[in-house]
């Protein structure tokens, strides 16, 4: 049976037995969490810095609401997640 290799994200490598902490920063105005409190660029960056300082290894930045809601075009999603 094949075994899983390491997960490599940027310069970090996670083996099968490693544990990692992932933080989520939602970049949507209608987020279920705190009503879009990290929609502004500076608020999102502050949340990322805070998460890293608290020990997060991975940051998941969401630019589109997962549930029902307004659709956004791909350029807006890129702007929200790759600024």
PDB file of N, CA and C in Angstrom:
ATOM      1  N   UNK A   1       0.848  -1.176   0.000  1.00  0.00           N
ATOM      2  CA  UNK A   1       0.000   0.000   0.000  1.00  0.00           C
ATOM      3  C   UNK A   1       0.896   1.243   0.000  1.00  0.00           C
ATOM      4  N   UNK A   2       0.624   2.215  -0.876  1.00  0.00           N
ATOM      5  CA  UNK A   2       1.454   3.427  -0.909  1.00  0.00           C
ATOM      6  C   UNK A   2       1.291   4.249   0.368  1.00  0.00           C
ATOM      7  N   UNK A   3       2.339   4.940   0.716  1.00  0.00           N
ATOM      8  CA  UNK A   3       2.292   5.811   1.888  1.00  0.00           C
ATOM      9  C   UNK A   3       2.288   7.266   1.435  1.00  0.00           C
ATOM     10  N   UNK A   4       1.740   8.105   2.281  1.00  0.00           N
ATOM     11  CA  UNK A   4       1.689   9.536   1.973  1.00  0.00           C
ATOM     12  C   UNK A   4       3.057  10.155   2.202  1.00  0.00           C
ATOM     13  N   UNK A   5       3.447  11.011   1.306  1.00  0.00           N
ATOM     14  CA  UNK A   5       4.685  11.748   1.479  1.00  0.00           C
ATOM     15  C   UNK A   5       4.418  13.006   2.278  1.00  0.00           C
ATOM     16  N   UNK A   6       5.430  13.816   2.460  1.00  0.00           N
ATOM     17  CA  UNK A   6       5.226  15.052   3.225  1.00  0.00           C
ATOM     18  C   UNK A   6       4.405  16.065   2.430  1.00  0.00           C
ATOM     19  N   UNK A   7       3.738  16.943   3.158  1.00  0.00           N
ATOM     20  CA  UNK A   7       3.043  18.076   2.558  1.00  0.00           C
ATOM     21  C   UNK A   7       4.012  19.246   2.609  1.00  0.00           C
ATOM     22  N   UNK A   8       4.309  19.825   1.464  1.00  0.00           N
ATOM     23  CA  UNK A   8       5.251  20.942   1.402  1.00  0.00           C
ATOM     24  C   UNK A   8       4.480  22.189   0.986  1.00  0.00           C
ATOM     25  N   UNK A   9       4.500  23.197   1.857  1.00  0.00           N
ATOM     26  CA  UNK A   9       3.853  24.485   1.599  1.00  0.00           C
ATOM     27  C   UNK A   9       4.913  25.565   1.738  1.00  0.00           C
ATOM     28  N   UNK A  10       5.302  26.135   0.610  1.00  0.00           N
ATOM     29  CA  UNK A  10       6.362  27.139   0.663  1.00  0.00           C
ATOM     30  C   UNK A  10       7.639  26.513   1.186  1.00  0.00           C
ATOM     31  N   UNK A  11       8.187  27.076   2.258  1.00  0.00           N
ATOM     32  CA  UNK A  11       9.412  26.532   2.834  1.00  0.00           C
ATOM     33  C   UNK A  11       9.148  25.631   4.034  1.00  0.00           C
ATOM     34  N   UNK A  12       7.888  25.263   4.261  1.00  0.00           N
ATOM     35  CA  UNK A  12       7.550  24.392   5.387  1.00  0.00           C
ATOM     36  C   UNK A  12       7.188  23.005   4.879  1.00  0.00           C
ATOM     37  N   UNK A  13       7.646  22.004   5.608  1.00  0.00           N
ATOM     38  CA  UNK A  13       7.351  20.619   5.266  1.00  0.00           C
ATOM     39  C   UNK A  13       6.682  19.956   6.461  1.00  0.00           C
ATOM     40  N   UNK A  14       5.568  19.276   6.184  1.00  0.00           N
ATOM     41  CA  UNK A  14       4.816  18.594   7.233  1.00  0.00           C
ATOM     42  C   UNK A  14       4.764  17.110   6.906  1.00  0.00           C
ATOM     43  N   UNK A  15       5.347  16.304   7.798  1.00  0.00           N
ATOM     44  CA  UNK A  15       5.311  14.858   7.636  1.00  0.00           C
ATOM     45  C   UNK A  15       3.978  14.299   8.094  1.00  0.00           C
ATOM     46  N   UNK A  16       3.763  13.031   7.838  1.00  0.00           N
ATOM     47  CA  UNK A  16       2.495  12.378   8.150  1.00  0.00           C
ATOM     48  C   UNK A  16       2.152  12.450   9.630  1.00  0.00           C
ATOM     49  N   UNK A  17       3.142  12.488  10.496  1.00  0.00           N
ATOM     50  CA  UNK A  17       2.894  12.520  11.938  1.00  0.00           C
ATOM     51  C   UNK A  17       3.029  13.916  12.550  1.00  0.00           C
ATOM     52  N   UNK A  18       3.313  14.912  11.722  1.00  0.00           N
ATOM     53  CA  UNK A  18       3.441  16.278  12.229  1.00  0.00           C
ATOM     54  C   UNK A  18       2.061  16.889  12.459  1.00  0.00           C
ATOM     55  N   UNK A  19       2.022  17.804  13.377  1.00  0.00           N
ATOM     56  CA  UNK A  19       0.797  18.569  13.615  1.00  0.00           C
ATOM     57  C   UNK A  19       1.053  20.011  13.200  1.00  0.00           C
ATOM     58  N   UNK A  20       0.022  20.621  12.659  1.00  0.00           N
ATOM     59  CA  UNK A  20       0.135  22.015  12.242  1.00  0.00           C
ATOM     60  C   UNK A  20      -1.139  22.748  12.644  1.00  0.00           C
ATOM     61  N   UNK A  21      -0.979  24.017  12.923  1.00  0.00           N
ATOM     62  CA  UNK A  21      -2.116  24.873  13.268  1.00  0.00           C
ATOM     63  C   UNK A  21      -2.435  25.733  12.053  1.00  0.00           C
ATOM     64  N   UNK A  22      -3.717  25.743  11.668  1.00  0.00           N
ATOM     65  CA  UNK A  22      -4.155  26.564  10.549  1.00  0.00           C
ATOM     66  C   UNK A  22      -5.123  27.626  11.054  1.00  0.00           C
ATOM     67  N   UNK A  23      -4.887  28.858  10.657  1.00  0.00           N
ATOM     68  CA  UNK A  23      -5.796  29.963  10.976  1.00  0.00           C
ATOM     69  C   UNK A  23      -6.581  30.313   9.716  1.00  0.00           C
ATOM     70  N   UNK A  24      -7.779  30.820   9.903  1.00  0.00           N
ATOM     71  CA  UNK A  24      -8.621  31.227   8.782  1.00  0.00           C
ATOM     72  C   UNK A  24      -8.897  32.722   8.885  1.00  0.00           C
ATOM     73  N   UNK A  25      -8.670  33.427   7.790  1.00  0.00           N
ATOM     74  CA  UNK A  25      -8.984  34.855   7.707  1.00  0.00           C
ATOM     75  C   UNK A  25      -9.984  35.016   6.566  1.00  0.00           C
ATOM     76  N   UNK A  26     -11.208  35.387   6.905  1.00  0.00           N
ATOM     77  CA  UNK A  26     -12.265  35.566   5.906  1.00  0.00           C
ATOM     78  C   UNK A  26     -12.242  36.993   5.378  1.00  0.00           C
ATOM     79  N   UNK A  27     -12.149  37.128   4.045  1.00  0.00           N
ATOM     80  CA  UNK A  27     -12.100  38.446   3.409  1.00  0.00           C
ATOM     81  C   UNK A  27     -13.416  38.790   2.736  1.00  0.00           C
ATOM     82  N   UNK A  28     -14.527  38.390   3.332  1.00  0.00           N
ATOM     83  CA  UNK A  28     -15.839  38.693   2.771  1.00  0.00           C
ATOM     84  C   UNK A  28     -16.594  39.609   3.722  1.00  0.00           C
ATOM     85  N   UNK A  29     -17.339  40.547   3.171  1.00  0.00           N
ATOM     86  CA  UNK A  29     -18.089  41.483   4.010  1.00  0.00           C
ATOM     87  C   UNK A  29     -19.231  40.806   4.747  1.00  0.00           C
ATOM     88  N   UNK A  30     -19.733  39.698   4.198  1.00  0.00           N
ATOM     89  CA  UNK A  30     -20.848  39.005   4.835  1.00  0.00           C
ATOM     90  C   UNK A  30     -20.400  37.714   5.524  1.00  0.00           C
ATOM     91  N   UNK A  31     -19.175  37.713   6.027  1.00  0.00           N
ATOM     92  CA  UNK A  31     -18.639  36.537   6.708  1.00  0.00           C
ATOM     93  C   UNK A  31     -19.495  36.158   7.910  1.00  0.00           C
ATOM     94  N   UNK A  32     -19.611  34.851   8.137  1.00  0.00           N
ATOM     95  CA  UNK A  32     -20.349  34.366   9.310  1.00  0.00           C
ATOM     96  C   UNK A  32     -19.628  34.738  10.598  1.00  0.00           C
ATOM     97  N   UNK A  33     -18.336  35.030  10.503  1.00  0.00           N
ATOM     98  CA  UNK A  33     -17.537  35.308  11.689  1.00  0.00           C
ATOM     99  C   UNK A  33     -17.279  36.801  11.813  1.00  0.00           C
ATOM    100  N   UNK A  34     -17.839  37.413  12.799  1.00  0.00           N
ATOM    101  CA  UNK A  34     -17.638  38.838  13.104  1.00  0.00           C
ATOM    102  C   UNK A  34     -17.995  39.774  11.954  1.00  0.00           C
ATOM    103  N   UNK A  35     -18.920  39.360  11.111  1.00  0.00           N
ATOM    104  CA  UNK A  35     -19.471  40.260  10.100  1.00  0.00           C
ATOM    105  C   UNK A  35     -18.477  40.992   9.233  1.00  0.00           C
ATOM    106  N   UNK A  36     -17.484  40.320   8.710  1.00  0.00           N
ATOM    107  CA  UNK A  36     -16.533  40.952   7.808  1.00  0.00           C
ATOM    108  C   UNK A  36     -15.484  41.800   8.496  1.00  0.00           C
ATOM    109  N   UNK A  37     -15.123  41.445   9.706  1.00  0.00           N
ATOM    110  CA  UNK A  37     -14.172  42.262  10.474  1.00  0.00           C
ATOM    111  C   UNK A  37     -12.774  42.272   9.869  1.00  0.00           C
ATOM    112  N   UNK A  38     -12.481  41.378   8.925  1.00  0.00           N
ATOM    113  CA  UNK A  38     -11.166  41.373   8.278  1.00  0.00           C
ATOM    114  C   UNK A  38     -11.287  41.652   6.775  1.00  0.00           C
ATOM    115  N   UNK A  39     -12.334  42.366   6.366  1.00  0.00           N
ATOM    116  CA  UNK A  39     -12.512  42.682   4.951  1.00  0.00           C
ATOM    117  C   UNK A  39     -11.490  43.710   4.475  1.00  0.00           C
ATOM    118  N   UNK A  40     -11.219  44.723   5.270  1.00  0.00           N
ATOM    119  CA  UNK A  40     -10.236  45.741   4.879  1.00  0.00           C
ATOM    120  C   UNK A  40      -8.836  45.127   4.883  1.00  0.00           C
ATOM    121  N   UNK A  41      -7.993  45.564   3.929  1.00  0.00           N
ATOM    122  CA  UNK A  41      -6.640  45.018   3.810  1.00  0.00           C
ATOM    123  C   UNK A  41      -5.862  45.087   5.118  1.00  0.00           C
ATOM    124  N   UNK A  42      -5.898  46.246   5.778  1.00  0.00           N
ATOM    125  CA  UNK A  42      -5.103  46.408   7.001  1.00  0.00           C
ATOM    126  C   UNK A  42      -5.622  45.513   8.131  1.00  0.00           C
ATOM    127  N   UNK A  43      -6.928  45.288   8.177  1.00  0.00           N
ATOM    128  CA  UNK A  43      -7.489  44.401   9.202  1.00  0.00           C
ATOM    129  C   UNK A  43      -7.124  42.945   8.926  1.00  0.00           C
ATOM    130  N   UNK A  44      -7.136  42.569   7.651  1.00  0.00           N
ATOM    131  CA  UNK A  44      -6.755  41.202   7.284  1.00  0.00           C
ATOM    132  C   UNK A  44      -5.289  40.952   7.612  1.00  0.00           C
ATOM    133  N   UNK A  45      -4.417  41.910   7.277  1.00  0.00           N
ATOM    134  CA  UNK A  45      -2.992  41.741   7.556  1.00  0.00           C
ATOM    135  C   UNK A  45      -2.743  41.662   9.056  1.00  0.00           C
ATOM    136  N   UNK A  46      -3.447  42.458   9.834  1.00  0.00           N
ATOM    137  CA  UNK A  46      -3.303  42.400  11.293  1.00  0.00           C
ATOM    138  C   UNK A  46      -3.732  41.030  11.816  1.00  0.00           C
ATOM    139  N   UNK A  47      -4.794  40.461  11.242  1.00  0.00           N
ATOM    140  CA  UNK A  47      -5.256  39.134  11.659  1.00  0.00           C
ATOM    141  C   UNK A  47      -4.233  38.061  11.300  1.00  0.00           C
ATOM    142  N   UNK A  48      -3.617  38.169  10.131  1.00  0.00           N
ATOM    143  CA  UNK A  48      -2.584  37.213   9.722  1.00  0.00           C
ATOM    144  C   UNK A  48      -1.389  37.298  10.660  1.00  0.00           C
ATOM    145  N   UNK A  49      -0.916  38.501  10.929  1.00  0.00           N
ATOM    146  CA  UNK A  49       0.231  38.679  11.829  1.00  0.00           C
ATOM    147  C   UNK A  49      -0.084  38.128  13.208  1.00  0.00           C
ATOM    148  N   UNK A  50      -1.263  38.413  13.706  1.00  0.00           N
ATOM    149  CA  UNK A  50      -1.675  37.919  15.018  1.00  0.00           C
ATOM    150  C   UNK A  50      -1.702  36.391  15.050  1.00  0.00           C
ATOM    151  N   UNK A  51      -2.220  35.778  13.992  1.00  0.00           N
ATOM    152  CA  UNK A  51      -2.290  34.315  13.931  1.00  0.00           C
ATOM    153  C   UNK A  51      -0.898  33.691  13.905  1.00  0.00           C
ATOM    154  N   UNK A  52       0.004  34.268  13.122  1.00  0.00           N
ATOM    155  CA  UNK A  52       1.376  33.752  13.057  1.00  0.00           C
ATOM    156  C   UNK A  52       2.060  33.906  14.408  1.00  0.00           C
ATOM    157  N   UNK A  53       1.892  35.059  15.035  1.00  0.00           N
ATOM    158  CA  UNK A  53       2.484  35.274  16.361  1.00  0.00           C
ATOM    159  C   UNK A  53       1.917  34.306  17.396  1.00  0.00           C
ATOM    160  N   UNK A  54       0.673  33.864  17.200  1.00  0.00           N
ATOM    161  CA  UNK A  54       0.037  32.922  18.122  1.00  0.00           C
ATOM    162  C   UNK A  54       0.424  31.471  17.825  1.00  0.00           C
ATOM    163  N   UNK A  55       1.163  31.251  16.730  1.00  0.00           N
ATOM    164  CA  UNK A  55       1.658  29.907  16.447  1.00  0.00           C
ATOM    165  C   UNK A  55       1.105  29.227  15.215  1.00  0.00           C
ATOM    166  N   UNK A  56       0.316  29.922  14.401  1.00  0.00           N
ATOM    167  CA  UNK A  56      -0.228  29.299  13.190  1.00  0.00           C
ATOM    168  C   UNK A  56       0.891  28.997  12.202  1.00  0.00           C
ATOM    169  N   UNK A  57       0.815  27.821  11.599  1.00  0.00           N
ATOM    170  CA  UNK A  57       1.779  27.415  10.575  1.00  0.00           C
ATOM    171  C   UNK A  57       1.260  27.715   9.170  1.00  0.00           C
ATOM    172  N   UNK A  58      -0.059  27.698   9.016  1.00  0.00           N
ATOM    173  CA  UNK A  58      -0.710  27.883   7.720  1.00  0.00           C
ATOM    174  C   UNK A  58      -1.847  28.888   7.901  1.00  0.00           C
ATOM    175  N   UNK A  59      -2.007  29.787   6.942  1.00  0.00           N
ATOM    176  CA  UNK A  59      -3.109  30.744   6.967  1.00  0.00           C
ATOM    177  C   UNK A  59      -3.980  30.492   5.736  1.00  0.00           C
ATOM    178  N   UNK A  60      -5.254  30.205   5.958  1.00  0.00           N
ATOM    179  CA  UNK A  60      -6.233  30.032   4.883  1.00  0.00           C
ATOM    180  C   UNK A  60      -6.966  31.361   4.743  1.00  0.00           C
ATOM    181  N   UNK A  61      -6.771  32.025   3.601  1.00  0.00           N
ATOM    182  CA  UNK A  61      -7.422  33.310   3.371  1.00  0.00           C
ATOM    183  C   UNK A  61      -8.575  33.086   2.401  1.00  0.00           C
ATOM    184  N   UNK A  62      -9.795  33.289   2.888  1.00  0.00           N
ATOM    185  CA  UNK A  62     -10.980  33.064   2.067  1.00  0.00           C
ATOM    186  C   UNK A  62     -11.475  34.352   1.445  1.00  0.00           C
ATOM    187  N   UNK A  63     -11.664  34.338   0.129  1.00  0.00           N
ATOM    188  CA  UNK A  63     -12.123  35.531  -0.568  1.00  0.00           C
ATOM    189  C   UNK A  63     -13.542  35.449  -1.079  1.00  0.00           C
ATOM    190  N   UNK A  64     -14.167  34.265  -0.947  1.00  0.00           N
ATOM    191  CA  UNK A  64     -15.531  34.058  -1.417  1.00  0.00           C
ATOM    192  C   UNK A  64     -16.295  33.320  -0.335  1.00  0.00           C
ATOM    193  N   UNK A  65     -17.508  33.758  -0.072  1.00  0.00           N
ATOM    194  CA  UNK A  65     -18.349  33.090   0.914  1.00  0.00           C
ATOM    195  C   UNK A  65     -18.664  31.677   0.436  1.00  0.00           C
ATOM    196  N   UNK A  66     -18.532  30.691   1.321  1.00  0.00           N
ATOM    197  CA  UNK A  66     -18.771  29.298   0.951  1.00  0.00           C
ATOM    198  C   UNK A  66     -20.255  28.996   0.768  1.00  0.00           C
ATOM    199  N   UNK A  67     -21.104  29.682   1.501  1.00  0.00           N
ATOM    200  CA  UNK A  67     -22.545  29.432   1.416  1.00  0.00           C
ATOM    201  C   UNK A  67     -23.209  30.351   0.410  1.00  0.00           C
ATOM    202  N   UNK A  68     -24.535  30.406   0.464  1.00  0.00           N
ATOM    203  CA  UNK A  68     -25.261  31.292  -0.441  1.00  0.00           C
ATOM    204  C   UNK A  68     -24.866  32.753  -0.211  1.00  0.00           C
ATOM    205  N   UNK A  69     -24.843  33.497  -1.265  1.00  0.00           N
ATOM    206  CA  UNK A  69     -24.503  34.913  -1.154  1.00  0.00           C
ATOM    207  C   UNK A  69     -24.161  35.477  -2.515  1.00  0.00           C
ATOM    208  N   UNK A  70     -23.787  36.718  -2.513  1.00  0.00           N
ATOM    209  CA  UNK A  70     -23.451  37.396  -3.761  1.00  0.00           C
ATOM    210  C   UNK A  70     -22.221  36.762  -4.398  1.00  0.00           C
ATOM    211  N   UNK A  71     -22.260  36.622  -5.723  1.00  0.00           N
ATOM    212  CA  UNK A  71     -21.101  36.113  -6.446  1.00  0.00           C
ATOM    213  C   UNK A  71     -20.141  37.266  -6.706  1.00  0.00           C
ATOM    214  N   UNK A  72     -18.854  36.934  -6.750  1.00  0.00           N
ATOM    215  CA  UNK A  72     -17.852  37.944  -7.094  1.00  0.00           C
ATOM    216  C   UNK A  72     -17.052  37.437  -8.278  1.00  0.00           C
ATOM    217  N   UNK A  73     -16.474  38.361  -9.034  1.00  0.00           N
ATOM    218  CA  UNK A  73     -15.695  37.931 -10.186  1.00  0.00           C
ATOM    219  C   UNK A  73     -14.308  37.473  -9.734  1.00  0.00           C
ATOM    220  N   UNK A  74     -13.631  36.678 -10.569  1.00  0.00           N
ATOM    221  CA  UNK A  74     -12.325  36.134 -10.191  1.00  0.00           C
ATOM    222  C   UNK A  74     -11.293  37.198  -9.829  1.00  0.00           C
ATOM    223  N   UNK A  75     -11.310  38.347 -10.501  1.00  0.00           N
ATOM    224  CA  UNK A  75     -10.334  39.401 -10.195  1.00  0.00           C
ATOM    225  C   UNK A  75     -10.520  39.935  -8.778  1.00  0.00           C
ATOM    226  N   UNK A  76     -11.768  40.069  -8.342  1.00  0.00           N
ATOM    227  CA  UNK A  76     -12.035  40.537  -6.982  1.00  0.00           C
ATOM    228  C   UNK A  76     -11.575  39.498  -5.962  1.00  0.00           C
ATOM    229  N   UNK A  77     -11.794  38.214  -6.267  1.00  0.00           N
ATOM    230  CA  UNK A  77     -11.335  37.162  -5.357  1.00  0.00           C
ATOM    231  C   UNK A  77      -9.814  37.185  -5.222  1.00  0.00           C
ATOM    232  N   UNK A  78      -9.119  37.355  -6.330  1.00  0.00           N
ATOM    233  CA  UNK A  78      -7.656  37.440  -6.297  1.00  0.00           C
ATOM    234  C   UNK A  78      -7.222  38.645  -5.475  1.00  0.00           C
ATOM    235  N   UNK A  79      -7.883  39.785  -5.673  1.00  0.00           N
ATOM    236  CA  UNK A  79      -7.547  40.995  -4.914  1.00  0.00           C
ATOM    237  C   UNK A  79      -7.688  40.752  -3.413  1.00  0.00           C
ATOM    238  N   UNK A  80      -8.739  40.040  -3.017  1.00  0.00           N
ATOM    239  CA  UNK A  80      -8.985  39.786  -1.598  1.00  0.00           C
ATOM    240  C   UNK A  80      -7.988  38.811  -0.975  1.00  0.00           C
ATOM    241  N   UNK A  81      -7.492  37.876  -1.768  1.00  0.00           N
ATOM    242  CA  UNK A  81      -6.673  36.811  -1.186  1.00  0.00           C
ATOM    243  C   UNK A  81      -5.187  36.923  -1.458  1.00  0.00           C
ATOM    244  N   UNK A  82      -4.789  37.720  -2.410  1.00  0.00           N
ATOM    245  CA  UNK A  82      -3.373  37.771  -2.781  1.00  0.00           C
ATOM    246  C   UNK A  82      -2.794  39.172  -2.692  1.00  0.00           C
ATOM    247  N   UNK A  83      -3.399  40.004  -1.878  1.00  0.00           N
ATOM    248  CA  UNK A  83      -2.931  41.391  -1.771  1.00  0.00           C
ATOM    249  C   UNK A  83      -1.576  41.473  -1.118  1.00  0.00           C
TER     250      UNK A  83
END
